[in-house]
PDB file of N, CA and C in Angstrom:
ATOM      1  N   MET A   1     113.465   6.602  15.276  1.00  0.00           N
ATOM      2  CA  MET A   1     113.276   5.148  15.455  1.00  0.00           C
ATOM      3  C   MET A   1     111.917   4.962  16.155  1.00  0.00           C
ATOM      4  N   GLN A   2     111.082   4.121  15.557  1.00  0.00           N
ATOM      5  CA  GLN A   2     109.819   3.774  16.165  1.00  0.00           C
ATOM      6  C   GLN A   2     109.955   2.632  17.159  1.00  0.00           C
ATOM      7  N   HIS A   3     109.246   2.739  18.266  1.00  0.00           N
ATOM      8  CA  HIS A   3     109.118   1.639  19.252  1.00  0.00           C
ATOM      9  C   HIS A   3     110.488   1.175  19.833  1.00  0.00           C
ATOM     10  N   PRO A   4     111.273   2.079  20.317  1.00  0.00           N
ATOM     11  CA  PRO A   4     112.554   1.595  20.920  1.00  0.00           C
ATOM     12  C   PRO A   4     112.398   0.633  22.074  1.00  0.00           C
ATOM     13  N   SER A   5     111.296   0.722  22.770  1.00  0.00           N
ATOM     14  CA  SER A   5     111.087  -0.193  23.884  1.00  0.00           C
ATOM     15  C   SER A   5     110.826  -1.641  23.445  1.00  0.00           C
ATOM     16  N   LEU A   6     110.519  -1.832  22.133  1.00  0.00           N
ATOM     17  CA  LEU A   6     110.199  -3.162  21.644  1.00  0.00           C
ATOM     18  C   LEU A   6     111.383  -3.812  20.958  1.00  0.00           C
ATOM     19  N   ILE A   7     112.545  -3.109  20.889  1.00  0.00           N
ATOM     20  CA  ILE A   7     113.705  -3.669  20.222  1.00  0.00           C
ATOM     21  C   ILE A   7     114.248  -4.888  20.953  1.00  0.00           C
ATOM     22  N   GLU A   8     114.473  -4.813  22.226  1.00  0.00           N
ATOM     23  CA  GLU A   8     115.014  -5.898  22.976  1.00  0.00           C
ATOM     24  C   GLU A   8     114.094  -7.079  22.996  1.00  0.00           C
ATOM     25  N   PRO A   9     112.793  -6.987  23.387  1.00  0.00           N
ATOM     26  CA  PRO A   9     111.941  -8.180  23.367  1.00  0.00           C
ATOM     27  C   PRO A   9     111.730  -8.652  21.944  1.00  0.00           C
ATOM     28  N   GLY A  10     111.712  -7.783  20.965  1.00  0.00           N
ATOM     29  CA  GLY A  10     111.544  -8.224  19.568  1.00  0.00           C
ATOM     30  C   GLY A  10     112.727  -9.004  19.064  1.00  0.00           C
ATOM     31  N   THR A  11     113.919  -8.581  19.438  1.00  0.00           N
ATOM     32  CA  THR A  11     115.130  -9.280  19.036  1.00  0.00           C
ATOM     33  C   THR A  11     115.179 -10.677  19.690  1.00  0.00           C
ATOM     34  N   LEU A  12     114.824 -10.717  20.964  1.00  0.00           N
ATOM     35  CA  LEU A  12     114.827 -11.968  21.646  1.00  0.00           C
ATOM     36  C   LEU A  12     113.812 -12.963  21.057  1.00  0.00           C
ATOM     37  N   CYS A  13     112.604 -12.503  20.819  1.00  0.00           N
ATOM     38  CA  CYS A  13     111.551 -13.371  20.259  1.00  0.00           C
ATOM     39  C   CYS A  13     111.912 -13.832  18.837  1.00  0.00           C
ATOM     40  N   MET A  14     112.428 -12.880  18.031  1.00  0.00           N
ATOM     41  CA  MET A  14     112.819 -13.268  16.654  1.00  0.00           C
ATOM     42  C   MET A  14     113.903 -14.291  16.673  1.00  0.00           C
ATOM     43  N   SER A  15     114.853 -14.139  17.532  1.00  0.00           N
ATOM     44  CA  SER A  15     115.946 -15.073  17.613  1.00  0.00           C
ATOM     45  C   SER A  15     115.417 -16.475  17.975  1.00  0.00           C
ATOM     46  N   GLU A  16     114.457 -16.550  18.908  1.00  0.00           N
ATOM     47  CA  GLU A  16     113.895 -17.805  19.303  1.00  0.00           C
ATOM     48  C   GLU A  16     113.159 -18.456  18.178  1.00  0.00           C
ATOM     49  N   VAL A  17     112.329 -17.722  17.438  1.00  0.00           N
ATOM     50  CA  VAL A  17     111.516 -18.279  16.347  1.00  0.00           C
ATOM     51  C   VAL A  17     112.424 -18.719  15.202  1.00  0.00           C
ATOM     52  N   VAL A  18     113.426 -17.945  14.849  1.00  0.00           N
ATOM     53  CA  VAL A  18     114.386 -18.318  13.776  1.00  0.00           C
ATOM     54  C   VAL A  18     115.130 -19.548  14.176  1.00  0.00           C
ATOM     55  N   THR A  19     115.616 -19.580  15.419  1.00  0.00           N
ATOM     56  CA  THR A  19     116.348 -20.758  15.904  1.00  0.00           C
ATOM     57  C   THR A  19     115.448 -21.998  15.825  1.00  0.00           C
ATOM     58  N   ASN A  20     114.206 -21.913  16.250  1.00  0.00           N
ATOM     59  CA  ASN A  20     113.290 -23.051  16.136  1.00  0.00           C
ATOM     60  C   ASN A  20     113.119 -23.514  14.719  1.00  0.00           C
ATOM     61  N   ALA A  21     112.963 -22.541  13.806  1.00  0.00           N
ATOM     62  CA  ALA A  21     112.764 -22.899  12.375  1.00  0.00           C
ATOM     63  C   ALA A  21     113.981 -23.644  11.833  1.00  0.00           C
ATOM     64  N   ILE A  22     115.180 -23.142  12.158  1.00  0.00           N
ATOM     65  CA  ILE A  22     116.449 -23.783  11.683  1.00  0.00           C
ATOM     66  C   ILE A  22     116.577 -25.178  12.311  1.00  0.00           C
ATOM     67  N   ARG A  23     116.351 -25.224  13.616  1.00  0.00           N
ATOM     68  CA  ARG A  23     116.653 -26.463  14.392  1.00  0.00           C
ATOM     69  C   ARG A  23     115.619 -27.550  14.104  1.00  0.00           C
ATOM     70  N   HIS A  24     114.378 -27.219  14.051  1.00  0.00           N
ATOM     71  CA  HIS A  24     113.317 -28.215  14.005  1.00  0.00           C
ATOM     72  C   HIS A  24     112.729 -28.477  12.633  1.00  0.00           C
ATOM     73  N   THR A  25     112.889 -27.576  11.657  1.00  0.00           N
ATOM     74  CA  THR A  25     112.336 -27.848  10.358  1.00  0.00           C
ATOM     75  C   THR A  25     113.354 -28.232   9.320  1.00  0.00           C
ATOM     76  N   ARG A  26     114.570 -27.837   9.534  1.00  0.00           N
ATOM     77  CA  ARG A  26     115.597 -28.068   8.528  1.00  0.00           C
ATOM     78  C   ARG A  26     115.257 -27.484   7.161  1.00  0.00           C
ATOM     79  N   SER A  27     114.456 -26.443   7.252  1.00  0.00           N
ATOM     80  CA  SER A  27     113.981 -25.796   6.000  1.00  0.00           C
ATOM     81  C   SER A  27     115.158 -25.131   5.271  1.00  0.00           C
ATOM     82  N   PRO A  28     115.275 -25.311   3.964  1.00  0.00           N
ATOM     83  CA  PRO A  28     116.403 -24.702   3.287  1.00  0.00           C
ATOM     84  C   PRO A  28     116.247 -23.200   3.070  1.00  0.00           C
ATOM     85  N   ARG A  29     115.010 -22.673   3.359  1.00  0.00           N
ATOM     86  CA  ARG A  29     114.762 -21.259   3.146  1.00  0.00           C
ATOM     87  C   ARG A  29     113.925 -20.724   4.309  1.00  0.00           C
ATOM     88  N   ILE A  30     114.372 -19.691   4.939  1.00  0.00           N
ATOM     89  CA  ILE A  30     113.655 -19.002   6.003  1.00  0.00           C
ATOM     90  C   ILE A  30     113.569 -17.532   5.685  1.00  0.00           C
ATOM     91  N   VAL A  31     112.366 -16.997   5.757  1.00  0.00           N
ATOM     92  CA  VAL A  31     112.153 -15.589   5.418  1.00  0.00           C
ATOM     93  C   VAL A  31     111.581 -14.897   6.680  1.00  0.00           C
ATOM     94  N   ILE A  32     112.152 -13.729   7.016  1.00  0.00           N
ATOM     95  CA  ILE A  32     111.673 -12.956   8.092  1.00  0.00           C
ATOM     96  C   ILE A  32     110.944 -11.693   7.557  1.00  0.00           C
ATOM     97  N   GLU A  33     109.751 -11.474   8.063  1.00  0.00           N
ATOM     98  CA  GLU A  33     108.929 -10.359   7.604  1.00  0.00           C
ATOM     99  C   GLU A  33     108.534  -9.549   8.839  1.00  0.00           C
ATOM    100  N   VAL A  34     108.835  -8.253   8.834  1.00  0.00           N
ATOM    101  CA  VAL A  34     108.508  -7.398   9.973  1.00  0.00           C
ATOM    102  C   VAL A  34     107.564  -6.256   9.515  1.00  0.00           C
ATOM    103  N   SER A  35     106.467  -6.079  10.185  1.00  0.00           N
ATOM    104  CA  SER A  35     105.555  -5.000   9.895  1.00  0.00           C
ATOM    105  C   SER A  35     105.481  -4.085  11.162  1.00  0.00           C
ATOM    106  N   ILE A  36     105.678  -2.807  10.962  1.00  0.00           N
ATOM    107  CA  ILE A  36     105.669  -1.867  12.069  1.00  0.00           C
ATOM    108  C   ILE A  36     104.462  -0.975  11.967  1.00  0.00           C
ATOM    109  N   GLY A  37     103.638  -0.933  12.971  1.00  0.00           N
ATOM    110  CA  GLY A  37     102.452  -0.125  12.986  1.00  0.00           C
ATOM    111  C   GLY A  37     102.594   0.979  14.085  1.00  0.00           C
ATOM    112  N   ASP A  38     101.564   1.766  14.264  1.00  0.00           N
ATOM    113  CA  ASP A  38     101.615   2.820  15.221  1.00  0.00           C
ATOM    114  C   ASP A  38     101.925   2.389  16.656  1.00  0.00           C
ATOM    115  N   GLU A  39     101.317   1.298  17.055  1.00  0.00           N
ATOM    116  CA  GLU A  39     101.500   0.799  18.442  1.00  0.00           C
ATOM    117  C   GLU A  39     101.900  -0.649  18.540  1.00  0.00           C
ATOM    118  N   ARG A  40     102.306  -1.249  17.470  1.00  0.00           N
ATOM    119  CA  ARG A  40     102.685  -2.653  17.491  1.00  0.00           C
ATOM    120  C   ARG A  40     103.688  -2.993  16.447  1.00  0.00           C
ATOM    121  N   VAL A  41     104.326  -4.125  16.646  1.00  0.00           N
ATOM    122  CA  VAL A  41     105.246  -4.693  15.681  1.00  0.00           C
ATOM    123  C   VAL A  41     104.851  -6.153  15.501  1.00  0.00           C
ATOM    124  N   LEU A  42     104.697  -6.534  14.236  1.00  0.00           N
ATOM    125  CA  LEU A  42     104.350  -7.869  13.913  1.00  0.00           C
ATOM    126  C   LEU A  42     105.518  -8.516  13.182  1.00  0.00           C
ATOM    127  N   VAL A  43     105.985  -9.706  13.623  1.00  0.00           N
ATOM    128  CA  VAL A  43     107.107 -10.395  13.019  1.00  0.00           C
ATOM    129  C   VAL A  43     106.590 -11.784  12.573  1.00  0.00           C
ATOM    130  N   ARG A  44     106.845 -12.135  11.337  1.00  0.00           N
ATOM    131  CA  ARG A  44     106.554 -13.464  10.784  1.00  0.00           C
ATOM    132  C   ARG A  44     107.836 -14.118  10.328  1.00  0.00           C
ATOM    133  N   VAL A  45     107.988 -15.376  10.725  1.00  0.00           N
ATOM    134  CA  VAL A  45     109.129 -16.154  10.275  1.00  0.00           C
ATOM    135  C   VAL A  45     108.598 -17.319   9.415  1.00  0.00           C
ATOM    136  N   HIS A  46     108.848 -17.254   8.126  1.00  0.00           N
ATOM    137  CA  HIS A  46     108.313 -18.209   7.173  1.00  0.00           C
ATOM    138  C   HIS A  46     109.363 -19.332   6.985  1.00  0.00           C
ATOM    139  N   ASP A  47     108.874 -20.542   6.881  1.00  0.00           N
ATOM    140  CA  ASP A  47     109.724 -21.691   6.464  1.00  0.00           C
ATOM    141  C   ASP A  47     108.866 -22.552   5.487  1.00  0.00           C
ATOM    142  N   ASN A  48     109.509 -23.400   4.742  1.00  0.00           N
ATOM    143  CA  ASN A  48     108.758 -24.182   3.751  1.00  0.00           C
ATOM    144  C   ASN A  48     108.489 -25.627   4.270  1.00  0.00           C
ATOM    145  N   ARG A  49     108.342 -25.827   5.546  1.00  0.00           N
ATOM    146  CA  ARG A  49     107.942 -27.077   6.109  1.00  0.00           C
ATOM    147  C   ARG A  49     106.788 -26.870   7.028  1.00  0.00           C
ATOM    148  N   PRO A  50     105.610 -27.317   6.624  1.00  0.00           N
ATOM    149  CA  PRO A  50     104.458 -27.126   7.512  1.00  0.00           C
ATOM    150  C   PRO A  50     104.482 -27.852   8.850  1.00  0.00           C
ATOM    151  N   CYS A  51     105.326 -28.832   8.939  1.00  0.00           N
ATOM    152  CA  CYS A  51     105.491 -29.633  10.190  1.00  0.00           C
ATOM    153  C   CYS A  51     106.985 -29.677  10.502  1.00  0.00           C
ATOM    154  N   PRO A  52     107.391 -29.819  11.677  1.00  0.00           N
ATOM    155  CA  PRO A  52     106.630 -29.963  12.923  1.00  0.00           C
ATOM    156  C   PRO A  52     106.144 -28.598  13.380  1.00  0.00           C
ATOM    157  N   LEU A  53     105.108 -28.655  14.212  1.00  0.00           N
ATOM    158  CA  LEU A  53     104.503 -27.435  14.791  1.00  0.00           C
ATOM    159  C   LEU A  53     105.148 -27.102  16.104  1.00  0.00           C
ATOM    160  N   PRO A  54     105.370 -25.801  16.315  1.00  0.00           N
ATOM    161  CA  PRO A  54     105.871 -25.391  17.647  1.00  0.00           C
ATOM    162  C   PRO A  54     104.849 -25.623  18.721  1.00  0.00           C
ATOM    163  N   ALA A  55     105.244 -26.155  19.871  1.00  0.00           N
ATOM    164  CA  ALA A  55     104.293 -26.423  20.946  1.00  0.00           C
ATOM    165  C   ALA A  55     105.017 -26.188  22.271  1.00  0.00           C
ATOM    166  N   PRO A  56     104.448 -25.444  23.174  1.00  0.00           N
ATOM    167  CA  PRO A  56     105.066 -25.201  24.440  1.00  0.00           C
ATOM    168  C   PRO A  56     105.232 -26.553  25.191  1.00  0.00           C
ATOM    169  N   LYS A  57     106.353 -26.682  25.898  1.00  0.00           N
ATOM    170  CA  LYS A  57     106.643 -27.901  26.668  1.00  0.00           C
ATOM    171  C   LYS A  57     106.555 -27.581  28.177  1.00  0.00           C
ATOM    172  N   GLN A  58     106.617 -28.611  28.899  1.00  0.00           N
ATOM    173  CA  GLN A  58     106.773 -28.428  30.365  1.00  0.00           C
ATOM    174  C   GLN A  58     108.015 -27.613  30.631  1.00  0.00           C
ATOM    175  N   PRO A  59     108.043 -26.768  31.673  1.00  0.00           N
ATOM    176  CA  PRO A  59     109.248 -25.993  31.970  1.00  0.00           C
ATOM    177  C   PRO A  59     110.471 -26.911  32.101  1.00  0.00           C
ATOM    178  N   PRO A  60     111.548 -26.621  31.450  1.00  0.00           N
ATOM    179  CA  PRO A  60     112.717 -27.459  31.549  1.00  0.00           C
ATOM    180  C   PRO A  60     113.386 -27.324  32.880  1.00  0.00           C
ATOM    181  N   HIS A  61     114.275 -28.269  33.166  1.00  0.00           N
ATOM    182  CA  HIS A  61     115.087 -28.177  34.407  1.00  0.00           C
ATOM    183  C   HIS A  61     115.938 -26.903  34.332  1.00  0.00           C
ATOM    184  N   GLU A  62     116.177 -26.284  35.473  1.00  0.00           N
ATOM    185  CA  GLU A  62     116.949 -25.037  35.504  1.00  0.00           C
ATOM    186  C   GLU A  62     118.249 -25.062  34.772  1.00  0.00           C
ATOM    187  N   GLU A  63     118.921 -26.242  34.730  1.00  0.00           N
ATOM    188  CA  GLU A  63     120.237 -26.338  34.141  1.00  0.00           C
ATOM    189  C   GLU A  63     120.179 -26.617  32.621  1.00  0.00           C
ATOM    190  N   CYS A  64     119.002 -26.915  32.093  1.00  0.00           N
ATOM    191  CA  CYS A  64     118.848 -27.179  30.643  1.00  0.00           C
ATOM    192  C   CYS A  64     119.083 -25.935  29.834  1.00  0.00           C
ATOM    193  N   GLU A  65     119.782 -26.077  28.738  1.00  0.00           N
ATOM    194  CA  GLU A  65     120.071 -24.943  27.891  1.00  0.00           C
ATOM    195  C   GLU A  65     119.004 -24.752  26.798  1.00  0.00           C
ATOM    196  N   HIS A  66     118.071 -25.677  26.613  1.00  0.00           N
ATOM    197  CA  HIS A  66     117.083 -25.640  25.587  1.00  0.00           C
ATOM    198  C   HIS A  66     115.692 -25.810  26.159  1.00  0.00           C
ATOM    199  N   GLY A  67     114.683 -25.433  25.364  1.00  0.00           N
ATOM    200  CA  GLY A  67     113.278 -25.654  25.779  1.00  0.00           C
ATOM    201  C   GLY A  67     112.551 -24.475  26.358  1.00  0.00           C
ATOM    202  N   ARG A  68     113.122 -23.260  26.274  1.00  0.00           N
ATOM    203  CA  ARG A  68     112.474 -22.103  26.828  1.00  0.00           C
ATOM    204  C   ARG A  68     111.960 -21.118  25.806  1.00  0.00           C
ATOM    205  N   GLY A  69     112.190 -21.423  24.520  1.00  0.00           N
ATOM    206  CA  GLY A  69     111.886 -20.475  23.464  1.00  0.00           C
ATOM    207  C   GLY A  69     110.462 -19.995  23.432  1.00  0.00           C
ATOM    208  N   LEU A  70     109.508 -20.890  23.396  1.00  0.00           N
ATOM    209  CA  LEU A  70     108.075 -20.479  23.312  1.00  0.00           C
ATOM    210  C   LEU A  70     107.673 -19.841  24.638  1.00  0.00           C
ATOM    211  N   ALA A  71     108.202 -20.275  25.765  1.00  0.00           N
ATOM    212  CA  ALA A  71     107.833 -19.607  27.026  1.00  0.00           C
ATOM    213  C   ALA A  71     108.361 -18.158  27.028  1.00  0.00           C
ATOM    214  N   LEU A  72     109.527 -17.876  26.440  1.00  0.00           N
ATOM    215  CA  LEU A  72     109.981 -16.544  26.304  1.00  0.00           C
ATOM    216  C   LEU A  72     109.082 -15.713  25.400  1.00  0.00           C
ATOM    217  N   ILE A  73     108.650 -16.296  24.294  1.00  0.00           N
ATOM    218  CA  ILE A  73     107.754 -15.627  23.383  1.00  0.00           C
ATOM    219  C   ILE A  73     106.441 -15.298  24.081  1.00  0.00           C
ATOM    220  N   GLU A  74     105.883 -16.268  24.796  1.00  0.00           N
ATOM    221  CA  GLU A  74     104.646 -16.011  25.537  1.00  0.00           C
ATOM    222  C   GLU A  74     104.803 -14.943  26.588  1.00  0.00           C
ATOM    223  N   ALA A  75     105.982 -14.819  27.185  1.00  0.00           N
ATOM    224  CA  ALA A  75     106.202 -13.825  28.242  1.00  0.00           C
ATOM    225  C   ALA A  75     106.304 -12.391  27.638  1.00  0.00           C
ATOM    226  N   HIS A  76     106.779 -12.275  26.407  1.00  0.00           N
ATOM    227  CA  HIS A  76     107.003 -10.936  25.856  1.00  0.00           C
ATOM    228  C   HIS A  76     105.985 -10.512  24.823  1.00  0.00           C
ATOM    229  N   ALA A  77     105.411 -11.435  24.061  1.00  0.00           N
ATOM    230  CA  ALA A  77     104.545 -11.108  22.942  1.00  0.00           C
ATOM    231  C   ALA A  77     103.102 -10.925  23.472  1.00  0.00           C
ATOM    232  N   ALA A  78     102.396 -10.007  22.838  1.00  0.00           N
ATOM    233  CA  ALA A  78     100.961  -9.826  23.154  1.00  0.00           C
ATOM    234  C   ALA A  78     100.223 -11.038  22.682  1.00  0.00           C
ATOM    235  N   ARG A  79     100.621 -11.598  21.542  1.00  0.00           N
ATOM    236  CA  ARG A  79     100.051 -12.820  21.066  1.00  0.00           C
ATOM    237  C   ARG A  79     100.955 -13.450  20.021  1.00  0.00           C
ATOM    238  N   TRP A  80     100.809 -14.677  19.708  1.00  0.00           N
ATOM    239  CA  TRP A  80     101.588 -15.392  18.732  1.00  0.00           C
ATOM    240  C   TRP A  80     100.804 -16.543  18.133  1.00  0.00           C
ATOM    241  N   GLY A  81     101.240 -17.057  17.015  1.00  0.00           N
ATOM    242  CA  GLY A  81     100.491 -18.160  16.376  1.00  0.00           C
ATOM    243  C   GLY A  81     101.201 -18.687  15.170  1.00  0.00           C
ATOM    244  N   ILE A  82     100.478 -19.467  14.429  1.00  0.00           N
ATOM    245  CA  ILE A  82     100.979 -20.109  13.214  1.00  0.00           C
ATOM    246  C   ILE A  82      99.986 -19.918  12.063  1.00  0.00           C
ATOM    247  N   THR A  83     100.440 -19.538  10.903  1.00  0.00           N
ATOM    248  CA  THR A  83      99.633 -19.432   9.673  1.00  0.00           C
ATOM    249  C   THR A  83     100.181 -20.397   8.694  1.00  0.00           C
ATOM    250  N   PHE A  84      99.291 -21.245   8.107  1.00  0.00           N
ATOM    251  CA  PHE A  84      99.688 -22.205   7.073  1.00  0.00           C
ATOM    252  C   PHE A  84      99.383 -21.649   5.688  1.00  0.00           C
ATOM    253  N   PHE A  85     100.184 -22.042   4.735  1.00  0.00           N
ATOM    254  CA  PHE A  85      99.990 -21.601   3.339  1.00  0.00           C
ATOM    255  C   PHE A  85      99.928 -22.828   2.417  1.00  0.00           C
ATOM    256  N   GLY A  86      98.981 -22.852   1.512  1.00  0.00           N
ATOM    257  CA  GLY A  86      98.857 -23.944   0.531  1.00  0.00           C
ATOM    258  C   GLY A  86      97.556 -24.727   0.632  1.00  0.00           C
ATOM    259  N   GLY A  87      96.595 -24.183   1.346  1.00  0.00           N
ATOM    260  CA  GLY A  87      95.278 -24.831   1.386  1.00  0.00           C
ATOM    261  C   GLY A  87      95.253 -26.081   2.226  1.00  0.00           C
ATOM    262  N   LEU A  88      94.503 -27.122   1.702  1.00  0.00           N
ATOM    263  CA  LEU A  88      94.330 -28.354   2.485  1.00  0.00           C
ATOM    264  C   LEU A  88      95.611 -29.148   2.590  1.00  0.00           C
ATOM    265  N   SER A  89      96.529 -28.922   1.693  1.00  0.00           N
ATOM    266  CA  SER A  89      97.820 -29.604   1.782  1.00  0.00           C
ATOM    267  C   SER A  89      98.925 -28.525   1.924  1.00  0.00           C
ATOM    268  N   PRO A  90      99.065 -28.023   3.110  1.00  0.00           N
ATOM    269  CA  PRO A  90     100.034 -26.906   3.312  1.00  0.00           C
ATOM    270  C   PRO A  90     101.443 -27.208   2.873  1.00  0.00           C
ATOM    271  N   ARG A  91     102.004 -26.200   2.221  1.00  0.00           N
ATOM    272  CA  ARG A  91     103.406 -26.359   1.781  1.00  0.00           C
ATOM    273  C   ARG A  91     104.338 -25.584   2.600  1.00  0.00           C
ATOM    274  N   SER A  92     103.815 -24.661   3.390  1.00  0.00           N
ATOM    275  CA  SER A  92     104.715 -23.824   4.225  1.00  0.00           C
ATOM    276  C   SER A  92     103.930 -23.257   5.379  1.00  0.00           C
ATOM    277  N   LYS A  93     104.622 -22.605   6.278  1.00  0.00           N
ATOM    278  CA  LYS A  93     103.993 -21.956   7.446  1.00  0.00           C
ATOM    279  C   LYS A  93     104.755 -20.765   7.840  1.00  0.00           C
ATOM    280  N   ALA A  94     104.126 -19.932   8.621  1.00  0.00           N
ATOM    281  CA  ALA A  94     104.805 -18.769   9.272  1.00  0.00           C
ATOM    282  C   ALA A  94     104.472 -18.834  10.749  1.00  0.00           C
ATOM    283  N   VAL A  95     105.451 -18.796  11.576  1.00  0.00           N
ATOM    284  CA  VAL A  95     105.274 -18.588  13.018  1.00  0.00           C
ATOM    285  C   VAL A  95     105.346 -17.114  13.217  1.00  0.00           C
ATOM    286  N   TRP A  96     104.368 -16.492  13.878  1.00  0.00           N
ATOM    287  CA  TRP A  96     104.394 -15.045  14.011  1.00  0.00           C
ATOM    288  C   TRP A  96     104.154 -14.687  15.467  1.00  0.00           C
ATOM    289  N   PHE A  97     104.569 -13.425  15.817  1.00  0.00           N
ATOM    290  CA  PHE A  97     104.297 -12.884  17.099  1.00  0.00           C
ATOM    291  C   PHE A  97     104.076 -11.394  16.926  1.00  0.00           C
ATOM    292  N   GLU A  98     103.344 -10.867  17.896  1.00  0.00           N
ATOM    293  CA  GLU A  98     103.030  -9.429  17.850  1.00  0.00           C
ATOM    294  C   GLU A  98     103.443  -8.828  19.187  1.00  0.00           C
ATOM    295  N   LEU A  99     104.138  -7.685  19.134  1.00  0.00           N
ATOM    296  CA  LEU A  99     104.502  -6.935  20.307  1.00  0.00           C
ATOM    297  C   LEU A  99     103.771  -5.657  20.279  1.00  0.00           C
ATOM    298  N   HIS A 100     103.203  -5.282  21.463  1.00  0.00           N
ATOM    299  CA  HIS A 100     102.467  -4.054  21.558  1.00  0.00           C
ATOM    300  C   HIS A 100     103.250  -3.018  22.418  1.00  0.00           C
ATOM    301  N   GLU A 101     103.203  -1.795  21.988  1.00  0.00           N
ATOM    302  CA  GLU A 101     103.772  -0.763  22.808  1.00  0.00           C
ATOM    303  C   GLU A 101     102.631  -0.315  23.776  1.00  0.00           C
ATOM    304  N   THR A 102     102.961  -0.189  25.040  1.00  0.00           N
ATOM    305  CA  THR A 102     101.967   0.266  26.014  1.00  0.00           C
ATOM    306  C   THR A 102     102.357   1.586  26.599  1.00  0.00           C
ATOM    307  N   ALA A 103     101.500   2.201  27.344  1.00  0.00           N
ATOM    308  CA  ALA A 103     101.800   3.466  28.025  1.00  0.00           C
ATOM    309  C   ALA A 103     102.998   3.252  28.955  1.00  0.00           C
ATOM    310  N   GLU A 104     103.100   2.138  29.582  1.00  0.00           N
ATOM    311  CA  GLU A 104     104.234   1.874  30.467  1.00  0.00           C
ATOM    312  C   GLU A 104     105.548   1.773  29.763  1.00  0.00           C
ATOM    313  N   THR A 105     105.580   1.116  28.577  1.00  0.00           N
ATOM    314  CA  THR A 105     106.830   0.904  27.862  1.00  0.00           C
ATOM    315  C   THR A 105     107.160   2.038  26.893  1.00  0.00           C
ATOM    316  N   ARG A 106     106.167   2.876  26.533  1.00  0.00           N
ATOM    317  CA  ARG A 106     106.400   3.944  25.599  1.00  0.00           C
ATOM    318  C   ARG A 106     107.516   4.854  26.071  1.00  0.00           C
ATOM    319  N   GLY A 107     108.465   5.040  25.284  1.00  0.00           N
ATOM    320  CA  GLY A 107     109.585   5.902  25.628  1.00  0.00           C
ATOM    321  C   GLY A 107     110.714   5.195  26.389  1.00  0.00           C
ATOM    322  N   ALA A 108     110.491   3.972  26.838  1.00  0.00           N
ATOM    323  CA  ALA A 108     111.534   3.230  27.528  1.00  0.00           C
ATOM    324  C   ALA A 108     112.579   2.855  26.464  1.00  0.00           C
ATOM    325  N   GLY A 109     113.813   3.114  26.775  1.00  0.00           N
ATOM    326  CA  GLY A 109     114.880   2.802  25.883  1.00  0.00           C
ATOM    327  C   GLY A 109     115.046   3.801  24.787  1.00  0.00           C
ATOM    328  N   ALA A 110     114.278   4.850  24.796  1.00  0.00           N
ATOM    329  CA  ALA A 110     114.414   5.923  23.750  1.00  0.00           C
ATOM    330  C   ALA A 110     115.663   6.668  23.926  1.00  0.00           C
ATOM    331  N   ILE A 111     116.247   7.094  22.819  1.00  0.00           N
ATOM    332  CA  ILE A 111     117.426   7.944  22.826  1.00  0.00           C
ATOM    333  C   ILE A 111     117.028   9.357  23.196  1.00  0.00           C
ATOM    334  N   ARG A 112     117.656   9.896  24.225  1.00  0.00           N
ATOM    335  CA  ARG A 112     117.345  11.276  24.684  1.00  0.00           C
ATOM    336  C   ARG A 112     118.056  12.226  23.767  1.00  0.00           C
ATOM    337  N   THR A 113     117.339  13.181  23.221  1.00  0.00           N
ATOM    338  CA  THR A 113     117.963  14.234  22.402  1.00  0.00           C
ATOM    339  C   THR A 113     117.911  15.557  23.082  1.00  0.00           C
ATOM    340  N   ASP A 114     117.305  15.640  24.251  1.00  0.00           N
ATOM    341  CA  ASP A 114     117.216  16.928  24.965  1.00  0.00           C
ATOM    342  C   ASP A 114     118.312  17.111  26.014  1.00  0.00           C
ATOM    343  N   LEU A 115     119.299  16.235  26.017  1.00  0.00           N
ATOM    344  CA  LEU A 115     120.394  16.369  26.973  1.00  0.00           C
ATOM    345  C   LEU A 115     121.432  17.330  26.453  1.00  0.00           C
ATOM    346  N   PRO A 116     122.150  18.050  27.378  1.00  0.00           N
ATOM    347  CA  PRO A 116     123.183  18.995  26.908  1.00  0.00           C
ATOM    348  C   PRO A 116     124.352  18.282  26.284  1.00  0.00           C
TER     349      PRO A 116
END
């Protein structure tokens, strides 16, 4: 298994982006694309609604259950953004994020095979 230390933050970030796509775009089709490299994982969540755009909000009140998604992505992802498809009249978009494995996280969460 490549990048076991990125599984938990990747799952959390993907859940947030997919939830935002379902909740805010009402897109009838959502596609998740994952690319795994030597030291990074790139996740793209495609929907067929170029608007509304995700935008970080002011931190919500502690008791609010919503409004923390992009803050979580910013906290875990090395970078994130939006790519539009369809030229000057976009027909779809992908919200993407990239997770990097670092020397600190490399091996964290790995399954040990050298135990008796």
